[in-house]
Amino acid sequence: MDNKNWSNYYKITKQNTLPRKTLLKAIEIFNCRNKFNCAQLAIDVGCGAGADSIELLKNNWSVLAIDSQAEAISTLISSCPQSLQNRLKTKVASFESLTSLPTSQLINASYSLPFLSSDNFYKFWKLILEALPPGGIFAGIFFGINDGWNCYKRSDMTFLSTNDLYNLFVPFKIELLEEEESDGADAMGFIKHWHRYFVVAEKC
């Protein structure tokens, strides 16, 4: 999407304060370990309007929220309760410009990685692998090859087959994997066919 469409997207999704189910599952896994440390860092890549980042903060995580759009970061900061902002750090950067990520116990990517070209997708995935230590958790959403947007053969997006997905997660123990196909509205209100994978996995 261009900057104008992203701006509209943030205005619309700012009203959605519900975190993604993949993130909630990841938080649940850490809570069940009984070893939680408030110094633990989560990275929210492509944080958007910030619902996931705020949920992490509410659960006592320190958060680095990254988005390519300055408007996304300003939306997050304006929505974040003042009492939580001391554990929030933000960064305006495109995924393509990043050469490393800090070591973190949780990396969250809700509806962000599919908006990378294939080359940049796999380069960024390597950064994620390097940043997650053994026991670290990845939570995210990917688009499948049957997704309606794939019919346009967009070179600026990445769509995965089931085999592609399993290959990504060879060095992980999968805690949640749900494949979903349905017709419904996108964030802008347009009806499309969705093909999504919801994944939570622990780095081995």
Protein backbone atom coordinates (compact mmCIF):
# COMPACT_ATOMS: atom_id res chain seq x y z
CA MET A 1 0.00 0.00 0.00
CA ASP A 2 1.09 3.57 -0.57
CA ASN A 3 1.40 6.11 2.24
CA LYS A 4 -2.15 7.44 1.77
CA ASN A 5 -3.64 3.95 2.09
CA TRP A 6 -1.52 3.19 5.15
CA SER A 7 -2.72 6.44 6.72
CA ASN A 8 -6.35 5.41 6.17
CA TYR A 9 -5.56 1.94 7.50
CA TYR A 10 -4.19 3.33 10.79
CA LYS A 11 -7.21 5.60 11.27
CA ILE A 12 -9.55 2.63 10.82
CA THR A 13 -7.62 0.07 12.85
CA LYS A 14 -7.01 2.49 15.71
CA GLN A 15 -10.60 1.70 16.67
CA ASN A 16 -9.71 -1.99 16.96
CA THR A 17 -8.22 -2.45 20.39
CA LEU A 18 -8.33 -6.27 20.33
CA PRO A 19 -4.95 -8.04 20.15
CA ARG A 20 -4.44 -10.90 17.69
CA LYS A 21 -5.13 -14.45 18.87
CA THR A 22 -1.59 -15.47 17.94
CA LEU A 23 -0.16 -12.92 20.35
CA LEU A 24 -2.56 -13.97 23.12
CA LYS A 25 -1.41 -17.58 22.67
CA ALA A 26 2.24 -16.52 22.90
CA ILE A 27 1.57 -14.56 26.11
CA GLU A 28 -0.26 -17.59 27.53
CA ILE A 29 2.77 -19.81 26.83
CA PHE A 30 5.06 -17.48 28.75
CA ASN A 31 2.59 -17.15 31.62
CA CYS A 32 2.45 -20.94 31.95
CA ARG A 33 6.23 -21.17 32.26
CA ASN A 34 6.17 -19.36 35.62
CA LYS A 35 9.53 -17.84 34.79
CA PHE A 36 8.38 -14.47 33.52
CA ASN A 37 10.78 -11.59 33.93
CA CYS A 38 9.54 -8.03 33.39
CA ALA A 39 12.89 -7.27 31.75
CA GLN A 40 11.98 -9.61 28.90
CA LEU A 41 11.81 -7.90 25.54
CA ALA A 42 9.16 -8.37 22.89
CA ILE A 43 9.50 -6.92 19.40
CA ASP A 44 6.33 -5.99 17.54
CA VAL A 45 7.36 -5.80 13.89
CA GLY A 46 4.91 -3.84 11.80
CA CYS A 47 3.13 -2.65 14.94
CA GLY A 48 0.51 -0.65 13.05
CA ALA A 49 -1.98 1.12 15.32
CA GLY A 50 -0.50 -0.73 18.29
CA ALA A 51 -3.15 -3.06 19.74
CA ASP A 52 -0.64 -5.91 20.12
CA SER A 53 2.08 -3.67 21.55
CA ILE A 54 -0.30 -2.31 24.18
CA GLU A 55 -1.43 -5.82 25.12
CA LEU A 56 2.20 -6.81 25.66
CA LEU A 57 2.78 -3.76 27.84
CA LYS A 58 -0.31 -4.59 29.88
CA ASN A 59 1.22 -8.02 30.47
CA ASN A 60 4.42 -6.46 31.84
CA TRP A 61 6.62 -6.89 28.78
CA SER A 62 9.16 -4.36 27.60
CA VAL A 63 8.33 -3.65 23.96
CA LEU A 64 10.19 -2.44 20.91
CA ALA A 65 7.55 -1.45 18.35
CA ILE A 66 8.77 -1.09 14.77
CA ASP A 67 6.88 0.27 11.77
CA SER A 68 7.88 1.85 8.49
CA GLN A 69 5.29 4.60 8.88
CA ALA A 70 5.78 7.43 11.38
CA GLU A 71 2.00 7.77 11.60
CA ALA A 72 1.76 4.22 12.96
CA ILE A 73 4.18 5.04 15.76
CA SER A 74 2.41 8.29 16.64
CA THR A 75 -0.92 6.41 16.69
CA LEU A 76 0.55 3.82 19.06
CA ILE A 77 2.03 6.43 21.40
CA SER A 78 -1.21 8.43 21.53
CA SER A 79 -3.18 5.25 22.35
CA CYS A 80 -0.76 3.91 24.95
CA PRO A 81 -1.59 4.70 28.58
CA GLN A 82 1.01 6.97 30.13
CA SER A 83 1.63 4.44 32.90
CA LEU A 84 2.92 1.90 30.37
CA GLN A 85 5.09 4.14 28.21
CA ASN A 86 8.24 3.70 30.29
CA ARG A 87 8.52 0.14 28.91
CA LEU A 88 7.81 1.13 25.32
CA LYS A 89 10.48 1.94 22.76
CA THR A 90 9.63 2.73 19.15
CA LYS A 91 11.48 2.78 15.86
CA VAL A 92 10.43 4.10 12.47
CA ALA A 93 12.15 1.89 9.90
CA SER A 94 11.31 -0.23 6.91
CA PHE A 95 12.05 -3.92 7.28
CA GLU A 96 14.28 -3.66 4.23
CA SER A 97 16.53 -1.12 5.99
CA LEU A 98 17.10 -3.23 9.10
CA THR A 99 20.30 -5.26 9.34
CA SER A 100 19.71 -6.76 12.78
CA LEU A 101 17.19 -7.07 15.58
CA PRO A 102 18.00 -7.11 19.30
CA THR A 103 17.84 -10.45 21.05
CA SER A 104 14.28 -10.88 22.27
CA GLN A 105 12.18 -13.55 23.90
CA LEU A 106 9.12 -12.83 21.74
CA ILE A 107 8.75 -11.54 18.20
CA ASN A 108 5.26 -10.64 17.03
CA ALA A 109 4.37 -10.05 13.39
CA SER A 110 0.66 -9.57 12.81
CA TYR A 111 -0.18 -8.87 9.16
CA SER A 112 3.21 -7.35 8.42
CA LEU A 113 5.55 -9.93 6.86
CA PRO A 114 3.26 -10.68 3.87
CA PHE A 115 3.74 -7.09 2.69
CA LEU A 116 7.38 -7.77 1.84
CA SER A 117 8.64 -8.93 -1.53
CA SER A 118 9.85 -12.52 -1.52
CA ASP A 119 13.54 -11.56 -1.41
CA ASN A 120 13.05 -9.13 1.45
CA PHE A 121 10.74 -11.53 3.26
CA TYR A 122 13.39 -14.24 3.49
CA LYS A 123 16.13 -11.75 4.38
CA PHE A 124 14.02 -10.42 7.23
CA TRP A 125 13.08 -13.91 8.35
CA LYS A 126 16.79 -14.59 8.80
CA LEU A 127 16.99 -11.58 11.16
CA ILE A 128 14.09 -13.00 13.15
CA LEU A 129 15.85 -16.36 13.47
CA GLU A 130 19.02 -14.65 14.65
CA ALA A 131 17.18 -12.54 17.24
CA LEU A 132 15.23 -15.37 18.86
CA PRO A 133 17.19 -17.48 21.38
CA PRO A 134 16.23 -21.09 22.13
CA GLY A 135 12.91 -20.96 23.96
CA GLY A 136 11.97 -17.69 22.29
CA ILE A 137 8.53 -17.45 20.73
CA PHE A 138 7.43 -16.23 17.30
CA ALA A 139 3.78 -15.24 16.82
CA GLY A 140 2.47 -14.12 13.46
CA ILE A 141 0.15 -14.30 10.51
CA PHE A 142 1.05 -15.24 6.92
CA PHE A 143 -0.93 -15.19 3.68
CA GLY A 144 -1.48 -18.43 1.75
CA ILE A 145 -1.27 -18.89 -2.00
CA ASN A 146 -5.06 -18.90 -2.39
CA ASP A 147 -5.41 -15.41 -0.94
CA GLY A 148 -7.36 -13.03 -3.16
CA TRP A 149 -4.51 -10.55 -3.37
CA ASN A 150 -2.29 -13.23 -4.92
CA CYS A 151 -4.36 -13.23 -8.11
CA TYR A 152 -2.75 -9.90 -8.99
CA LYS A 153 0.72 -11.55 -8.93
CA ARG A 154 2.03 -8.74 -6.78
CA SER A 155 5.81 -8.71 -6.59
CA ASP A 156 5.73 -6.58 -3.43
CA MET A 157 4.01 -9.29 -1.36
CA THR A 158 4.74 -12.86 -0.24
CA PHE A 159 2.25 -15.73 -0.27
CA LEU A 160 3.17 -19.12 1.15
CA SER A 161 2.19 -22.70 0.41
CA THR A 162 1.88 -25.13 3.29
CA ASN A 163 5.30 -26.55 2.39
CA ASP A 164 6.80 -23.04 2.34
CA LEU A 165 5.42 -22.46 5.82
CA TYR A 166 6.75 -25.70 7.27
CA ASN A 167 10.16 -24.97 5.78
CA LEU A 168 10.24 -21.64 7.63
CA PHE A 169 9.59 -23.36 10.93
CA VAL A 170 12.07 -26.24 10.73
CA PRO A 171 14.03 -24.88 13.73
CA PHE A 172 10.85 -24.44 15.81
CA LYS A 173 8.37 -26.41 17.84
CA ILE A 174 4.95 -25.37 16.57
CA GLU A 175 2.54 -24.50 19.39
CA LEU A 176 -0.31 -23.23 17.21
CA LEU A 177 -0.94 -23.57 13.49
CA GLU A 178 -4.32 -22.71 12.05
CA GLU A 179 -5.08 -22.40 8.33
CA GLU A 180 -8.15 -20.39 7.45
CA GLU A 181 -9.87 -19.65 4.13
CA SER A 182 -12.89 -17.38 4.06
CA ASP A 183 -14.45 -14.43 2.26
CA GLY A 184 -14.68 -11.19 4.17
CA ALA A 185 -13.84 -7.52 4.32
CA ASP A 186 -10.32 -6.18 4.60
CA ALA A 187 -9.48 -3.27 6.90
CA MET A 188 -10.63 -0.81 4.22
CA GLY A 189 -14.02 -2.50 3.86
CA PHE A 190 -13.41 -4.26 0.54
CA ILE A 191 -14.54 -7.88 0.23
CA LYS A 192 -11.80 -10.36 -0.65
CA HIS A 193 -10.89 -14.02 -0.28
CA TRP A 194 -8.66 -14.59 2.72
CA HIS A 195 -6.15 -17.41 2.98
CA ARG A 196 -4.24 -17.10 6.23
CA TYR A 197 -1.94 -19.09 8.46
CA PHE A 198 -1.93 -18.24 12.16
CA VAL A 199 1.29 -19.45 13.76
CA VAL A 200 2.86 -19.53 17.22
CA ALA A 201 6.13 -21.43 17.53
CA GLU A 202 8.98 -21.88 19.98
CA LYS A 203 12.59 -21.67 18.77
CA CYS A 204 14.47 -24.91 19.40
